[in-house]
Amino acid sequence: MNSRSIREPAVAGLFYPAEPETLARTVDALLAGAGAHAEPNRRTRLLVSPHAGYAYSGAVAARGFAVLDARTIERVVLVGPSHVDAFAFTSLYDGDAYATPLGILEVDGDAVRRLEQVHASIRRSPRGHFTARGRGEHGIEVILPFIQRACGTPSIVPIVMGSQRWEDCLSLGQALADTIDLEHTLLVASSDLSHFYAYDEAVRKDATFCELLAGLDAARLHAALRRGECEACGAGPVIATLLATEAWRERQCRILARVNSGDVTGDCLRVVGYASAAVTTPVAA
């Protein structure tokens, strides 16, 4: 019998609690305290969510997951950046499942196979997913416990972008739109915002990013990022998922929360920005 390939947690105990009961209580408390609710007659289909340690960005992430209707979600496509591994393509996880202390989330192998057939820059690979030398990519992992507590056990499609060029964002966005049943899928773009500016400069840059994100114009956002008017470590995932949603009828984007690490720690000299946003469409009558 073939052994299953399961991606084990790399940052449990660092970015979030490693003990299952503690982790469940922590996420549940963050969701309960989010104070966010679904908009009447609209459904959240894309989230932009931060991926720092829960002490820093957990409350911001919870604002997004608190607005979901789990009954509409059969699959979650997670697109994140690569912080640890350097490679020049878009990596679809080539294994069977991701694990967290809360259990297993199965990979939708059919969706992965369809995606890898669209463009040469999108391929199945362990790159960006594996754990090596005591380190592992956290951009997708830290979001998974929120999915498990807010959405149950949907299948997942973990994607790590080694290249965030416009061409790669466009290829991935088109592939998602063309091959995935987005009607029953939640898209999640994993990204923090500006890194290591003084507080006021970070607030300015992050406000610019959120204003452009709310405008749902991927090309304008990409141009502003290229000019340095704003920053996001997961800019590629955000842009690719926005491109995937361009055909959605009457889509809207709501910025749910925006803070930075200075708001949490009081250290305002070199801060990291976090935001949560939801892209919604009308609920079918």
Protein backbone atom coordinates (compact mmCIF):
# COMPACT_ATOMS: atom_id res chain seq x y z
CA MET A 1 0.00 0.00 0.00
CA ASN A 2 1.34 3.42 -0.95
CA SER A 3 2.17 5.69 1.97
CA ARG A 4 0.44 9.05 2.13
CA SER A 5 2.37 12.28 1.89
CA ILE A 6 1.24 14.64 4.64
CA ARG A 7 2.79 18.05 5.20
CA GLU A 8 3.34 18.29 8.96
CA PRO A 9 3.18 21.61 10.84
CA ALA A 10 6.36 23.67 10.71
CA VAL A 11 5.52 26.63 12.95
CA ALA A 12 3.15 25.18 15.56
CA GLY A 13 4.35 26.41 18.95
CA LEU A 14 5.92 29.46 17.30
CA PHE A 15 3.24 31.29 15.35
CA TYR A 16 0.30 29.61 17.08
CA PRO A 17 -0.28 27.11 19.91
CA ALA A 18 0.91 23.54 19.30
CA GLU A 19 -1.43 21.88 21.80
CA PRO A 20 -4.72 21.03 20.06
CA GLU A 21 -7.12 22.08 22.80
CA THR A 22 -5.26 25.34 23.39
CA LEU A 23 -5.20 26.06 19.67
CA ALA A 24 -8.94 25.37 19.30
CA ARG A 25 -9.76 27.63 22.26
CA THR A 26 -7.49 30.37 20.91
CA VAL A 27 -9.01 30.38 17.43
CA ASP A 28 -12.56 30.11 18.75
CA ALA A 29 -11.96 33.07 21.06
CA LEU A 30 -10.54 35.13 18.19
CA LEU A 31 -13.54 34.30 16.01
CA ALA A 32 -15.99 35.06 18.81
CA GLY A 33 -14.31 38.39 19.49
CA ALA A 34 -14.09 39.43 15.84
CA GLY A 35 -17.33 41.38 15.94
CA ALA A 36 -17.74 40.77 12.20
CA HIS A 37 -20.74 39.30 10.43
CA ALA A 38 -21.70 38.38 6.90
CA GLU A 39 -23.33 41.12 4.86
CA PRO A 40 -27.04 40.54 4.25
CA ASN A 41 -27.67 38.98 0.85
CA ARG A 42 -23.97 38.75 0.01
CA ARG A 43 -21.51 35.87 0.20
CA THR A 44 -17.78 36.06 0.86
CA ARG A 45 -15.87 34.20 -1.86
CA LEU A 46 -12.34 35.62 -1.52
CA LEU A 47 -10.48 36.54 1.65
CA VAL A 48 -7.22 38.45 1.94
CA SER A 49 -5.77 37.32 5.26
CA PRO A 50 -2.53 37.98 7.19
CA HIS A 51 -0.14 35.23 8.21
CA ALA A 52 1.88 36.50 11.17
CA GLY A 53 1.88 34.98 14.64
CA TYR A 54 -1.54 34.99 16.22
CA ALA A 55 -0.43 37.43 18.90
CA TYR A 56 0.16 39.99 16.14
CA SER A 57 -2.39 39.30 13.41
CA GLY A 58 -4.76 36.64 14.75
CA ALA A 59 -7.51 39.12 15.57
CA VAL A 60 -7.23 40.64 12.09
CA ALA A 61 -7.41 37.22 10.41
CA ALA A 62 -10.43 36.30 12.53
CA ARG A 63 -12.37 39.27 11.13
CA GLY A 64 -12.32 37.58 7.73
CA PHE A 65 -13.15 34.05 8.78
CA ALA A 66 -15.98 35.27 11.02
CA VAL A 67 -17.98 36.43 7.96
CA LEU A 68 -17.98 33.07 6.17
CA ASP A 69 -20.92 30.77 5.59
CA ALA A 70 -19.37 27.31 5.92
CA ARG A 71 -22.34 25.72 4.16
CA THR A 72 -21.22 27.21 0.83
CA ILE A 73 -17.59 26.05 1.03
CA GLU A 74 -16.56 22.67 -0.35
CA ARG A 75 -12.99 23.60 -1.22
CA VAL A 76 -10.48 26.26 -0.11
CA VAL A 77 -7.77 27.43 -2.49
CA LEU A 78 -4.95 29.02 -0.49
CA VAL A 79 -2.37 31.10 -2.34
CA GLY A 80 0.65 32.30 -0.41
CA PRO A 81 4.15 33.71 -0.96
CA SER A 82 7.40 31.87 -0.36
CA HIS A 83 9.38 33.27 2.58
CA VAL A 84 11.80 30.36 3.04
CA ASP A 85 12.44 28.70 -0.32
CA ALA A 86 13.57 30.46 -3.52
CA PHE A 87 12.16 29.19 -6.82
CA ALA A 88 10.80 30.78 -9.99
CA PHE A 89 7.41 29.13 -10.55
CA THR A 90 4.01 28.58 -8.92
CA SER A 91 4.08 25.46 -6.75
CA LEU A 92 1.03 23.26 -6.28
CA TYR A 93 1.48 20.95 -3.30
CA ASP A 94 2.29 17.48 -4.65
CA GLY A 95 1.20 15.57 -1.53
CA ASP A 96 -2.05 14.27 -0.11
CA ALA A 97 -2.80 16.52 2.86
CA TYR A 98 -1.68 19.29 5.19
CA ALA A 99 -1.74 18.66 8.93
CA THR A 100 -2.19 21.05 11.84
CA PRO A 101 -2.51 20.20 15.53
CA LEU A 102 -6.27 20.18 14.90
CA GLY A 103 -6.08 17.40 12.32
CA ILE A 104 -5.81 16.75 8.59
CA LEU A 105 -7.05 18.76 5.62
CA GLU A 106 -7.11 16.69 2.44
CA VAL A 107 -5.73 18.13 -0.78
CA ASP A 108 -8.12 18.22 -3.75
CA GLY A 109 -5.96 16.20 -6.12
CA ASP A 110 -8.33 16.61 -9.07
CA ALA A 111 -8.15 20.40 -8.78
CA VAL A 112 -4.36 20.25 -8.56
CA ARG A 113 -4.15 18.10 -11.69
CA ARG A 114 -6.38 20.48 -13.64
CA LEU A 115 -4.37 23.51 -12.58
CA GLU A 116 -1.01 22.01 -13.52
CA GLN A 117 -2.17 21.40 -17.09
CA VAL A 118 -2.86 25.08 -17.84
CA HIS A 119 0.55 26.76 -17.91
CA ALA A 120 4.18 25.70 -17.66
CA SER A 121 4.75 28.13 -14.77
CA ILE A 122 2.25 26.20 -12.60
CA ARG A 123 3.46 22.78 -11.52
CA ARG A 124 3.17 20.18 -8.77
CA SER A 125 6.19 20.33 -6.49
CA PRO A 126 7.27 20.14 -2.86
CA ARG A 127 8.99 23.52 -3.29
CA GLY A 128 7.56 26.11 -0.94
CA HIS A 129 5.72 23.43 1.04
CA PHE A 130 8.29 21.15 2.63
CA THR A 131 10.00 21.62 5.98
CA ALA A 132 13.80 21.57 5.97
CA ARG A 133 16.58 22.52 8.36
CA GLY A 134 14.04 23.26 11.05
CA ARG A 135 12.19 25.81 8.94
CA GLY A 136 9.05 25.69 6.87
CA GLU A 137 6.77 28.07 5.00
CA HIS A 138 4.17 29.64 7.30
CA GLY A 139 2.08 31.66 4.85
CA ILE A 140 -0.48 28.90 4.30
CA GLU A 141 -0.01 26.95 7.51
CA VAL A 142 -1.08 29.65 9.97
CA ILE A 143 -4.38 30.14 8.14
CA LEU A 144 -5.40 26.48 8.26
CA PRO A 145 -6.59 26.40 11.91
CA PHE A 146 -8.99 29.24 11.11
CA ILE A 147 -10.36 27.19 8.23
CA GLN A 148 -10.74 24.16 10.47
CA ARG A 149 -12.67 26.05 13.16
CA ALA A 150 -14.73 28.26 10.82
CA CYS A 151 -15.33 25.93 7.85
CA GLY A 152 -14.96 22.36 9.14
CA THR A 153 -13.02 20.03 6.84
CA PRO A 154 -13.20 21.25 3.25
CA SER A 155 -10.62 19.99 0.80
CA ILE A 156 -7.77 22.40 0.14
CA VAL A 157 -5.55 23.42 -2.77
CA PRO A 158 -2.28 24.80 -1.31
CA ILE A 159 -0.38 27.05 -3.76
CA VAL A 160 2.91 28.86 -3.09
CA MET A 161 4.10 31.50 -5.55
CA GLY A 162 7.86 31.42 -5.94
CA SER A 163 7.59 34.21 -8.53
CA GLN A 164 5.20 37.12 -8.16
CA ARG A 165 5.76 38.71 -11.57
CA TRP A 166 2.69 40.08 -13.33
CA GLU A 167 2.92 37.28 -15.89
CA ASP A 168 2.81 34.62 -13.17
CA CYS A 169 -0.09 36.33 -11.40
CA LEU A 170 -2.00 36.47 -14.69
CA SER A 171 -1.30 32.80 -15.47
CA LEU A 172 -2.46 31.65 -12.04
CA GLY A 173 -5.53 33.89 -12.04
CA GLN A 174 -6.61 32.60 -15.43
CA ALA A 175 -5.95 28.99 -14.41
CA LEU A 176 -8.08 29.36 -11.29
CA ALA A 177 -10.92 30.96 -13.23
CA ASP A 178 -10.79 28.36 -16.01
CA THR A 179 -10.37 25.12 -14.04
CA ILE A 180 -11.83 25.51 -10.53
CA ASP A 181 -15.53 25.46 -9.63
CA LEU A 182 -15.34 28.82 -7.90
CA GLU A 183 -19.04 28.77 -7.04
CA HIS A 184 -18.29 26.25 -4.28
CA THR A 185 -14.76 27.42 -3.49
CA LEU A 186 -13.33 29.93 -1.05
CA LEU A 187 -10.22 31.69 -2.33
CA VAL A 188 -7.72 32.86 0.31
CA ALA A 189 -4.80 35.14 -0.51
CA SER A 190 -2.21 35.08 2.28
CA SER A 191 -0.30 38.32 2.79
CA ASP A 192 1.00 40.76 5.33
CA LEU A 193 1.47 44.38 4.25
CA SER A 194 4.42 46.78 4.65
CA HIS A 195 7.48 45.64 6.58
CA PHE A 196 9.72 47.56 8.97
CA TYR A 197 8.77 51.19 8.36
CA ALA A 198 8.14 53.69 11.11
CA TYR A 199 4.52 53.72 12.22
CA ASP A 200 3.26 56.74 10.24
CA GLU A 201 4.90 55.63 6.99
CA ALA A 202 3.52 52.12 7.42
CA VAL A 203 0.02 53.48 7.98
CA ARG A 204 0.29 55.56 4.80
CA LYS A 205 1.53 52.67 2.66
CA ASP A 206 -0.99 50.20 4.07
CA ALA A 207 -3.86 52.64 3.55
CA THR A 208 -2.83 52.95 -0.09
CA PHE A 209 -2.76 49.18 -0.51
CA CYS A 210 -6.20 48.77 1.05
CA GLU A 211 -7.71 51.58 -1.01
CA LEU A 212 -6.48 49.95 -4.22
CA LEU A 213 -7.54 46.50 -3.06
CA ALA A 214 -11.04 47.81 -2.34
CA GLY A 215 -11.12 49.15 -5.90
CA LEU A 216 -10.63 45.59 -7.24
CA ASP A 217 -8.29 46.77 -10.01
CA ALA A 218 -5.45 44.25 -10.06
CA ALA A 219 -3.43 46.14 -12.67
CA ARG A 220 -3.56 49.42 -10.72
CA LEU A 221 -2.57 47.63 -7.53
CA HIS A 222 0.34 45.91 -9.25
CA ALA A 223 1.54 49.24 -10.70
CA ALA A 224 1.42 50.92 -7.29
CA LEU A 225 3.37 48.06 -5.74
CA ARG A 226 5.98 48.29 -8.47
CA ARG A 227 6.35 52.03 -7.85
CA GLY A 228 6.80 51.44 -4.10
CA GLU A 229 3.65 53.30 -3.12
CA CYS A 230 2.59 50.30 -1.04
CA GLU A 231 3.95 46.88 -0.10
CA ALA A 232 2.75 43.35 0.58
CA CYS A 233 4.84 40.21 0.91
CA GLY A 234 1.93 38.30 -0.65
CA ALA A 235 1.20 40.84 -3.38
CA GLY A 236 1.30 38.11 -6.03
CA PRO A 237 -1.30 35.93 -4.29
CA VAL A 238 -3.58 38.95 -3.82
CA ILE A 239 -3.29 40.00 -7.46
CA ALA A 240 -3.67 36.46 -8.83
CA THR A 241 -6.85 35.85 -6.84
CA LEU A 242 -8.27 39.24 -7.81
CA LEU A 243 -7.64 38.36 -11.46
CA ALA A 244 -9.45 35.06 -10.93
CA THR A 245 -12.55 36.93 -9.76
CA GLU A 246 -12.85 39.50 -12.55
CA ALA A 247 -15.85 37.78 -14.14
CA TRP A 248 -17.84 37.64 -10.90
CA ARG A 249 -21.09 39.55 -11.15
CA GLU A 250 -21.37 42.62 -8.91
CA ARG A 251 -18.31 41.79 -6.85
CA GLN A 252 -17.42 44.14 -4.01
CA CYS A 253 -14.47 44.32 -1.62
CA ARG A 254 -14.82 45.26 2.03
CA ILE A 255 -11.76 46.03 4.18
CA LEU A 256 -12.59 44.37 7.49
CA ALA A 257 -9.57 45.36 9.57
CA ARG A 258 -6.20 47.06 9.22
CA VAL A 259 -3.58 47.41 11.97
CA ASN A 260 0.16 47.00 12.37
CA SER A 261 2.45 45.44 14.92
CA GLY A 262 2.93 48.82 16.61
CA ASP A 263 -0.75 48.80 17.55
CA VAL A 264 -0.17 45.47 19.28
CA THR A 265 3.21 45.92 20.95
CA GLY A 266 3.54 49.69 21.28
CA ASP A 267 6.91 49.56 19.45
CA CYS A 268 6.34 51.95 16.53
CA LEU A 269 9.87 52.20 15.11
CA ARG A 270 9.79 49.22 12.73
CA VAL A 271 6.34 47.79 12.22
CA VAL A 272 4.62 45.20 10.02
CA GLY A 273 1.18 45.85 8.59
CA TYR A 274 -1.80 43.48 8.56
CA ALA A 275 -5.20 43.65 6.89
CA SER A 276 -8.21 41.45 6.35
CA ALA A 277 -10.53 41.93 3.38
CA ALA A 278 -13.51 40.11 1.90
CA VAL A 279 -14.60 40.05 -1.74
CA THR A 280 -18.30 39.27 -1.97
CA THR A 281 -20.98 38.64 -4.56
CA PRO A 282 -24.77 38.72 -4.26
CA VAL A 283 -26.50 35.63 -2.94
CA ALA A 284 -28.52 34.05 -5.72
CA ALA A 285 -32.23 34.56 -5.29
